[in-house]
Amino acid sequence: MPGRRDFLKAGLTLSAWAGLAHMPWAWGKVPEGEPLLLSAVDDARGRHCLAGATAQGELAFISQVPERCHGGTRRPGLGEVVMFARRPGRHFHVVNTATGKKQLSVAASEGRHFYGHGVFSPDGRHLYATANRFESAEGIVQVFDAEEDYRLVKELPLDGIGPHELRLHPDGETLIVALGGIETHPDYGRVKLNLDSMAPALLLMNRHSGEIHARHAPSHHQLSCRHLDLAPDGTVILGYQFQGPEWETPPLIARLDGKRGEFRELALSEFLTPKLRNYIASIAVSRDGRRAAVTAPRGNRVLILDTRDGRLLNESGLEDAAGVVAHGDGFLVSSGRGGLYRLSSEASTPQRLTTLPLHWDNHLTLA
């Protein structure tokens, strides 16, 4: 039974896991030099937590948090990862990867909420987080000074609604922002307030001045731009979540060429597109920049694309496929059912590393 064997090898034993019913935090030893995989999770009792695991699938820590979290980002040069509350969350948490402990929690400023994602400047000084001025429904990027306990230093307007995931271009100066186009307000939880008037886009923005250099709109106004990753040459692979009728099957993945600046949506087969159920959850580009893995949890699929031309290279079935991150010559993929898998750029079948008694959220962060 590979899953049980992997779990028994974990830093947290089964008896220690049972003790978590009464513990807000626990830590298991991680071998020196071993990368740490972080994710938001819900435990078996439905409590919201942050968890860390090794790349071999061994649980390292779990820490309870007051609201459900979503994505994370590693601070360059330091053993810190910032994990963001899920829309419309009001906090982000700074986790020390050497101990697994939260060393700081930062609340959103008055009249703001976060969208679950952020990214650091190359030197690790500034953190850029997507946020919402919820009374005016204005999407913004908030800039925090990490060297001053993550003090908010400025806000960059986006001339749009609902920014979600963002990444830093390899030039170190440009933020790539997926503008979802969906209006939300904390008084209404996750209710989408403007589906008829959505205006999603992919934005390229100067991280210093806030000047928007380019805006690329999807082919349908209800194709919410949500998640993305970049290749070393600046090529962007972008995933949509369609907010229109479920029987329609528009394209769900787009590509922005890093050299020519050409934006186009990728045509998958007429048989595959409906199986994805109009929802892309997470995207990761391989370390060599030649492949991208795309998860579709509602469709129980993981796709592998060629980043150079957008061709579909592989399709794998994986129940409730959730987060994905580049690792080695391939990827690590999580499942909302508790599984953690290794997937090579060439293989058609994910290799299960372990199954844990928790529900992984839609993103993985490697520290």
Protein backbone atom coordinates (compact mmCIF):
# COMPACT_ATOMS: atom_id res chain seq x y z
CA MET A 1 0.00 0.00 0.00
CA PRO A 2 2.20 2.86 -1.24
CA GLY A 3 0.03 5.64 0.23
CA ARG A 4 0.16 4.20 3.76
CA ARG A 5 3.91 3.50 3.49
CA ASP A 6 4.60 7.06 2.40
CA PHE A 7 2.49 8.42 5.21
CA LEU A 8 4.21 6.31 7.84
CA LYS A 9 7.56 7.74 6.67
CA ALA A 10 6.27 11.28 7.10
CA GLY A 11 7.67 13.71 9.66
CA LEU A 12 4.23 13.62 11.27
CA THR A 13 3.27 10.06 12.24
CA LEU A 14 -0.29 8.77 12.21
CA SER A 15 -0.55 9.24 15.97
CA ALA A 16 0.74 12.80 15.63
CA TRP A 17 -1.86 13.46 12.93
CA ALA A 18 -4.61 12.19 15.25
CA GLY A 19 -3.37 14.71 17.81
CA LEU A 20 -3.99 17.52 15.37
CA ALA A 21 -7.65 17.41 16.32
CA HIS A 22 -6.58 19.41 19.39
CA MET A 23 -3.51 21.22 18.04
CA PRO A 24 -3.45 24.45 15.97
CA TRP A 25 0.08 23.74 14.77
CA ALA A 26 2.48 20.82 14.33
CA TRP A 27 5.90 20.33 12.73
CA GLY A 28 7.86 17.35 11.46
CA LYS A 29 11.54 17.26 10.55
CA VAL A 30 12.43 18.10 6.94
CA PRO A 31 15.81 16.83 5.68
CA GLU A 32 18.37 19.59 5.14
CA GLY A 33 18.35 20.87 1.58
CA GLU A 34 14.96 19.28 0.85
CA PRO A 35 12.56 21.64 -0.97
CA LEU A 36 9.31 22.37 0.83
CA LEU A 37 5.95 22.35 -0.90
CA LEU A 38 3.34 24.69 0.59
CA SER A 39 -0.39 24.85 0.02
CA ALA A 40 -3.63 25.97 1.58
CA VAL A 41 -5.61 22.92 2.74
CA ASP A 42 -8.72 21.95 4.62
CA ASP A 43 -8.23 19.16 7.12
CA ALA A 44 -10.52 16.19 7.69
CA ARG A 45 -12.71 18.27 10.02
CA GLY A 46 -13.06 21.09 7.50
CA ARG A 47 -10.73 23.51 9.30
CA HIS A 48 -8.72 25.93 7.16
CA CYS A 49 -4.96 25.35 7.40
CA LEU A 50 -1.61 25.90 5.74
CA ALA A 51 0.43 22.77 5.12
CA GLY A 52 3.96 21.94 4.02
CA ALA A 53 5.20 18.70 2.48
CA THR A 54 8.42 17.43 0.98
CA ALA A 55 8.71 16.76 -2.73
CA GLN A 56 8.48 13.04 -1.83
CA GLY A 57 5.02 13.59 -0.36
CA GLU A 58 5.95 13.50 3.32
CA LEU A 59 3.90 15.89 5.47
CA ALA A 60 6.12 18.41 7.28
CA PHE A 61 3.76 20.82 9.01
CA ILE A 62 0.17 21.94 9.30
CA SER A 63 -0.98 25.22 10.82
CA GLN A 64 -4.55 26.38 11.33
CA VAL A 65 -5.63 29.78 9.94
CA PRO A 66 -8.87 31.73 10.49
CA GLU A 67 -9.97 31.89 6.84
CA ARG A 68 -9.48 29.78 3.76
CA CYS A 69 -6.26 30.58 1.88
CA HIS A 70 -5.41 30.19 -1.79
CA GLY A 71 -2.07 30.96 -3.49
CA GLY A 72 1.43 31.63 -2.21
CA THR A 73 4.72 33.17 -3.28
CA ARG A 74 8.31 32.60 -2.17
CA ARG A 75 10.42 35.54 -1.03
CA PRO A 76 13.72 35.48 -2.98
CA GLY A 77 16.83 34.87 -0.90
CA LEU A 78 15.02 34.19 2.37
CA GLY A 79 13.19 31.27 3.95
CA GLU A 80 9.78 32.91 3.73
CA VAL A 81 6.62 32.17 1.82
CA VAL A 82 3.58 34.44 1.84
CA MET A 83 0.19 32.71 1.67
CA PHE A 84 -2.88 34.76 0.73
CA ALA A 85 -6.48 34.43 1.86
CA ARG A 86 -8.92 33.36 -0.82
CA ARG A 87 -11.22 36.00 -2.38
CA PRO A 88 -12.66 37.97 -0.61
CA GLY A 89 -10.10 37.32 2.14
CA ARG A 90 -8.71 39.97 4.44
CA HIS A 91 -5.24 38.60 5.41
CA PHE A 92 -1.98 37.21 4.17
CA HIS A 93 0.39 35.12 6.29
CA VAL A 94 4.19 35.04 6.27
CA VAL A 95 5.44 31.49 6.91
CA ASN A 96 8.97 30.63 8.01
CA THR A 97 9.90 27.62 5.88
CA ALA A 98 12.58 26.47 8.34
CA THR A 99 10.05 25.98 11.14
CA GLY A 100 6.65 25.96 9.44
CA LYS A 101 5.42 28.67 11.80
CA LYS A 102 3.53 31.80 10.86
CA GLN A 103 5.84 34.65 11.75
CA LEU A 104 3.46 37.44 10.74
CA SER A 105 -0.14 37.95 9.60
CA VAL A 106 -1.04 41.14 7.74
CA ALA A 107 -4.60 42.45 7.50
CA ALA A 108 -5.97 44.18 4.43
CA SER A 109 -6.31 47.93 4.79
CA GLU A 110 -9.71 49.54 5.32
CA GLY A 111 -12.09 48.97 2.43
CA ARG A 112 -9.87 46.38 0.73
CA HIS A 113 -9.76 42.64 0.28
CA PHE A 114 -7.24 40.30 -1.35
CA TYR A 115 -7.72 37.97 -4.31
CA GLY A 116 -5.42 35.16 -3.21
CA HIS A 117 -2.19 35.90 -5.11
CA GLY A 118 0.99 37.96 -4.96
CA VAL A 119 4.59 38.10 -6.19
CA PHE A 120 7.88 39.56 -4.96
CA SER A 121 10.31 41.94 -6.61
CA PRO A 122 13.58 40.26 -7.67
CA ASP A 123 15.41 41.49 -4.56
CA GLY A 124 12.64 40.33 -2.21
CA ARG A 125 12.06 43.86 -0.89
CA HIS A 126 8.57 44.50 -2.25
CA LEU A 127 5.50 42.30 -2.35
CA TYR A 128 2.83 42.95 -4.99
CA ALA A 129 -0.65 41.64 -4.16
CA THR A 130 -3.87 41.78 -6.15
CA ALA A 131 -6.66 43.49 -4.22
CA ASN A 132 -10.05 45.18 -4.48
CA ARG A 133 -11.34 48.56 -3.32
CA PHE A 134 -14.69 47.00 -2.67
CA GLU A 135 -16.88 50.11 -2.33
CA SER A 136 -15.87 51.30 -5.82
CA ALA A 137 -15.09 47.79 -7.20
CA GLU A 138 -11.69 49.02 -8.43
CA GLY A 139 -9.01 46.41 -8.97
CA ILE A 140 -5.58 47.38 -7.67
CA VAL A 141 -2.13 46.00 -6.97
CA GLN A 142 -1.02 46.77 -3.42
CA VAL A 143 2.70 47.15 -2.79
CA PHE A 144 4.15 46.14 0.60
CA ASP A 145 7.65 46.70 2.00
CA ALA A 146 8.78 43.31 3.32
CA GLU A 147 11.73 44.85 5.16
CA GLU A 148 9.34 46.98 7.24
CA ASP A 149 7.05 44.17 8.43
CA TYR A 150 5.14 44.30 5.16
CA ARG A 151 4.03 47.90 5.50
CA LEU A 152 1.69 49.04 2.71
CA VAL A 153 3.57 51.67 0.69
CA LYS A 154 1.35 52.32 -2.34
CA GLU A 155 -1.44 51.13 -4.58
CA LEU A 156 -1.37 50.77 -8.35
CA PRO A 157 -4.77 51.10 -10.12
CA LEU A 158 -5.58 48.63 -12.86
CA ASP A 159 -8.49 50.35 -14.64
CA GLY A 160 -10.52 47.19 -14.25
CA ILE A 161 -12.25 44.82 -11.86
CA GLY A 162 -11.18 41.60 -10.18
CA PRO A 163 -7.42 41.07 -10.61
CA HIS A 164 -6.42 37.54 -9.71
CA GLU A 165 -3.04 35.86 -10.28
CA LEU A 166 0.02 37.92 -11.20
CA ARG A 167 3.62 37.08 -12.05
CA LEU A 168 6.80 39.03 -12.58
CA HIS A 169 8.15 39.14 -16.13
CA PRO A 170 11.74 37.87 -16.57
CA ASP A 171 12.76 41.50 -17.23
CA GLY A 172 12.19 42.13 -13.51
CA GLU A 173 10.21 45.30 -14.23
CA THR A 174 6.87 44.18 -15.64
CA LEU A 175 3.95 42.67 -13.77
CA ILE A 176 1.75 40.27 -15.74
CA VAL A 177 -1.76 40.45 -14.25
CA ALA A 178 -4.77 38.24 -14.98
CA LEU A 179 -7.74 40.60 -14.63
CA GLY A 180 -10.73 38.41 -13.90
CA GLY A 181 -13.38 41.06 -14.48
CA ILE A 182 -15.65 39.81 -11.66
CA GLU A 183 -16.97 42.27 -9.05
CA THR A 184 -17.23 41.04 -5.46
CA HIS A 185 -17.96 42.61 -2.09
CA PRO A 186 -17.29 41.12 1.37
CA ASP A 187 -20.91 41.73 2.37
CA TYR A 188 -21.95 39.21 -0.28
CA GLY A 189 -19.17 36.64 0.19
CA ARG A 190 -18.19 35.05 -3.14
CA VAL A 191 -21.30 36.17 -5.05
CA LYS A 192 -20.41 37.49 -8.52
CA LEU A 193 -22.13 40.83 -8.96
CA ASN A 194 -21.53 41.84 -12.58
CA LEU A 195 -21.58 38.83 -14.89
CA ASP A 196 -23.33 40.74 -17.68
CA SER A 197 -20.79 43.58 -17.76
CA MET A 198 -17.50 41.77 -17.15
CA ALA A 199 -14.38 43.11 -18.88
CA PRO A 200 -11.52 40.63 -18.25
CA ALA A 201 -8.04 41.12 -19.67
CA LEU A 202 -4.39 40.16 -19.48
CA LEU A 203 -2.39 43.22 -18.42
CA LEU A 204 1.30 44.11 -18.67
CA MET A 205 2.17 46.80 -16.15
CA ASN A 206 5.30 48.61 -14.96
CA ARG A 207 5.79 47.64 -11.31
CA HIS A 208 7.25 51.03 -10.38
CA SER A 209 4.99 53.55 -12.10
CA GLY A 210 1.86 51.44 -12.57
CA GLU A 211 1.76 52.33 -16.26
CA ILE A 212 -0.12 49.68 -18.24
CA HIS A 213 1.84 48.86 -21.39
CA ALA A 214 -0.55 46.33 -22.93
CA ARG A 215 -4.08 45.00 -22.44
CA HIS A 216 -5.24 41.80 -24.16
CA ALA A 217 -8.94 40.91 -24.02
CA PRO A 218 -10.31 37.36 -24.38
CA SER A 219 -12.74 36.49 -27.15
CA HIS A 220 -15.78 36.50 -24.83
CA HIS A 221 -16.50 39.02 -22.06
CA GLN A 222 -17.35 36.21 -19.61
CA LEU A 223 -14.00 34.44 -20.01
CA SER A 224 -12.55 35.40 -16.65
CA CYS A 225 -8.72 35.60 -16.83
CA ARG A 226 -7.59 33.80 -13.70
CA HIS A 227 -4.30 31.91 -13.63
CA LEU A 228 -1.03 32.07 -15.50
CA ASP A 229 2.65 31.25 -15.58
CA LEU A 230 5.62 32.46 -17.64
CA ALA A 231 8.47 30.88 -19.56
CA PRO A 232 11.99 32.39 -19.32
CA ASP A 233 11.47 34.22 -22.63
CA GLY A 234 8.35 35.97 -21.28
CA THR A 235 5.81 33.73 -23.00
CA VAL A 236 2.60 33.60 -20.94
CA ILE A 237 0.22 30.66 -20.66
CA LEU A 238 -3.13 31.93 -19.35
CA GLY A 239 -6.16 30.01 -18.06
CA TYR A 240 -9.81 31.10 -18.11
CA GLN A 241 -12.87 30.31 -16.02
CA PHE A 242 -16.00 30.80 -18.12
CA GLN A 243 -18.89 32.54 -16.34
CA GLY A 244 -21.48 32.01 -19.06
CA PRO A 245 -23.94 29.15 -19.72
CA GLU A 246 -22.47 25.76 -18.86
CA TRP A 247 -23.49 24.28 -22.21
CA GLU A 248 -21.23 26.68 -24.10
CA THR A 249 -17.63 25.57 -24.66
CA PRO A 250 -15.40 28.56 -25.44
CA PRO A 251 -11.58 28.30 -25.43
CA LEU A 252 -10.11 28.06 -21.94
CA ILE A 253 -6.37 28.61 -22.51
CA ALA A 254 -4.51 31.48 -24.19
CA ARG A 255 -0.89 32.19 -25.06
CA LEU A 256 1.00 35.49 -25.22
CA ASP A 257 4.17 35.16 -27.28
CA GLY A 258 7.13 36.51 -25.31
CA LYS A 259 9.01 37.75 -28.36
CA ARG A 260 6.35 38.96 -30.81
CA GLY A 261 3.71 39.99 -28.27
CA GLU A 262 1.04 38.03 -30.17
CA PHE A 263 -1.96 37.01 -28.05
CA ARG A 264 -4.10 34.09 -29.18
CA GLU A 265 -6.42 31.50 -27.69
CA LEU A 266 -5.56 27.83 -28.07
CA ALA A 267 -7.89 25.48 -29.89
CA LEU A 268 -8.19 22.12 -28.16
CA SER A 269 -10.14 19.27 -29.72
CA GLU A 270 -13.94 19.46 -29.83
CA PHE A 271 -13.98 16.33 -27.66
CA LEU A 272 -11.58 17.57 -24.97
CA THR A 273 -12.84 21.13 -24.39
CA PRO A 274 -16.26 20.10 -22.99
CA LYS A 275 -14.56 17.69 -20.60
CA LEU A 276 -12.73 20.58 -18.90
CA ARG A 277 -16.10 21.96 -17.74
CA ASN A 278 -15.18 25.60 -18.36
CA TYR A 279 -12.69 25.81 -15.48
CA ILE A 280 -8.89 26.05 -15.40
CA ALA A 281 -7.41 26.06 -11.89
CA SER A 282 -3.62 26.20 -11.97
CA ILE A 283 -0.77 26.58 -14.48
CA ALA A 284 2.95 25.89 -14.16
CA VAL A 285 5.71 26.20 -16.76
CA SER A 286 8.53 23.64 -16.57
CA ARG A 287 11.98 24.74 -15.49
CA ASP A 288 13.32 24.53 -19.02
CA GLY A 289 10.42 26.70 -20.22
CA ARG A 290 9.32 24.23 -22.91
CA ARG A 291 6.25 22.68 -21.27
CA ALA A 292 3.25 23.95 -19.31
CA ALA A 293 1.02 21.86 -17.07
CA VAL A 294 -2.60 22.96 -16.73
CA THR A 295 -5.10 21.55 -14.19
CA ALA A 296 -8.87 21.32 -14.66
CA PRO A 297 -10.35 20.01 -11.37
CA ARG A 298 -13.97 19.99 -12.49
CA GLY A 299 -12.97 17.97 -15.52
CA ASN A 300 -10.54 15.73 -13.59
CA ARG A 301 -7.75 16.47 -16.08
CA VAL A 302 -4.13 17.60 -16.31
CA LEU A 303 -2.91 18.86 -19.68
CA ILE A 304 0.67 19.26 -20.90
CA LEU A 305 1.22 21.95 -23.55
CA ASP A 306 4.20 23.00 -25.62
CA THR A 307 4.83 26.62 -24.60
CA ARG A 308 6.49 27.40 -27.93
CA ASP A 309 3.38 26.90 -30.04
CA GLY A 310 0.59 25.97 -27.63
CA ARG A 311 0.19 22.41 -28.94
CA LEU A 312 -1.41 19.85 -26.66
CA LEU A 313 1.24 17.21 -25.91
CA ASN A 314 -0.51 15.09 -23.34
CA GLU A 315 -3.73 14.65 -21.39
CA SER A 316 -3.95 12.80 -18.07
CA GLY A 317 -6.94 11.86 -15.98
CA LEU A 318 -6.60 12.95 -12.33
CA GLU A 319 -9.57 13.23 -10.01
CA ASP A 320 -10.02 16.78 -8.70
CA ALA A 321 -6.63 17.88 -10.08
CA ALA A 322 -5.74 21.01 -8.13
CA GLY A 323 -2.34 22.69 -7.73
CA VAL A 324 0.68 22.24 -9.95
CA VAL A 325 4.30 23.40 -9.69
CA ALA A 326 7.43 22.75 -11.73
CA HIS A 327 9.88 20.35 -10.09
CA GLY A 328 12.92 18.61 -11.53
CA ASP A 329 12.29 17.78 -15.17
CA GLY A 330 8.51 17.71 -14.66
CA PHE A 331 5.79 18.72 -12.25
CA LEU A 332 4.20 18.01 -8.88
CA VAL A 333 0.40 17.97 -8.89
CA SER A 334 -2.04 17.90 -5.97
CA SER A 335 -5.59 16.63 -5.80
CA GLY A 336 -8.45 18.01 -3.77
CA ARG A 337 -8.94 14.40 -2.62
CA GLY A 338 -5.62 14.42 -0.74
CA GLY A 339 -3.26 12.93 -3.29
CA LEU A 340 0.13 14.31 -4.32
CA TYR A 341 1.54 13.18 -7.67
CA ARG A 342 4.66 13.44 -9.80
CA LEU A 343 4.13 14.02 -13.52
CA SER A 344 6.94 14.11 -16.04
CA SER A 345 6.77 16.30 -19.12
CA GLU A 346 6.50 13.19 -21.27
CA ALA A 347 4.58 10.62 -19.19
CA SER A 348 0.85 10.18 -19.65
CA THR A 349 0.06 8.89 -16.15
CA PRO A 350 0.67 10.80 -12.88
CA GLN A 351 2.71 8.84 -10.33
CA ARG A 352 1.10 8.97 -6.90
CA LEU A 353 3.49 9.86 -4.10
CA THR A 354 1.05 9.82 -1.20
CA THR A 355 -2.51 10.42 -0.11
CA LEU A 356 -3.06 12.49 3.01
CA PRO A 357 -6.25 13.12 5.07
CA LEU A 358 -6.68 16.67 3.80
CA HIS A 359 -8.03 18.63 0.84
CA TRP A 360 -5.40 20.51 -1.17
CA ASP A 361 -6.41 23.92 -2.51
CA ASN A 362 -5.82 24.86 -6.16
CA HIS A 363 -2.21 26.06 -5.88
CA LEU A 364 1.20 24.77 -4.82
CA THR A 365 4.26 26.86 -3.92
CA LEU A 366 7.78 25.43 -3.87
CA ALA A 367 10.20 26.98 -1.39
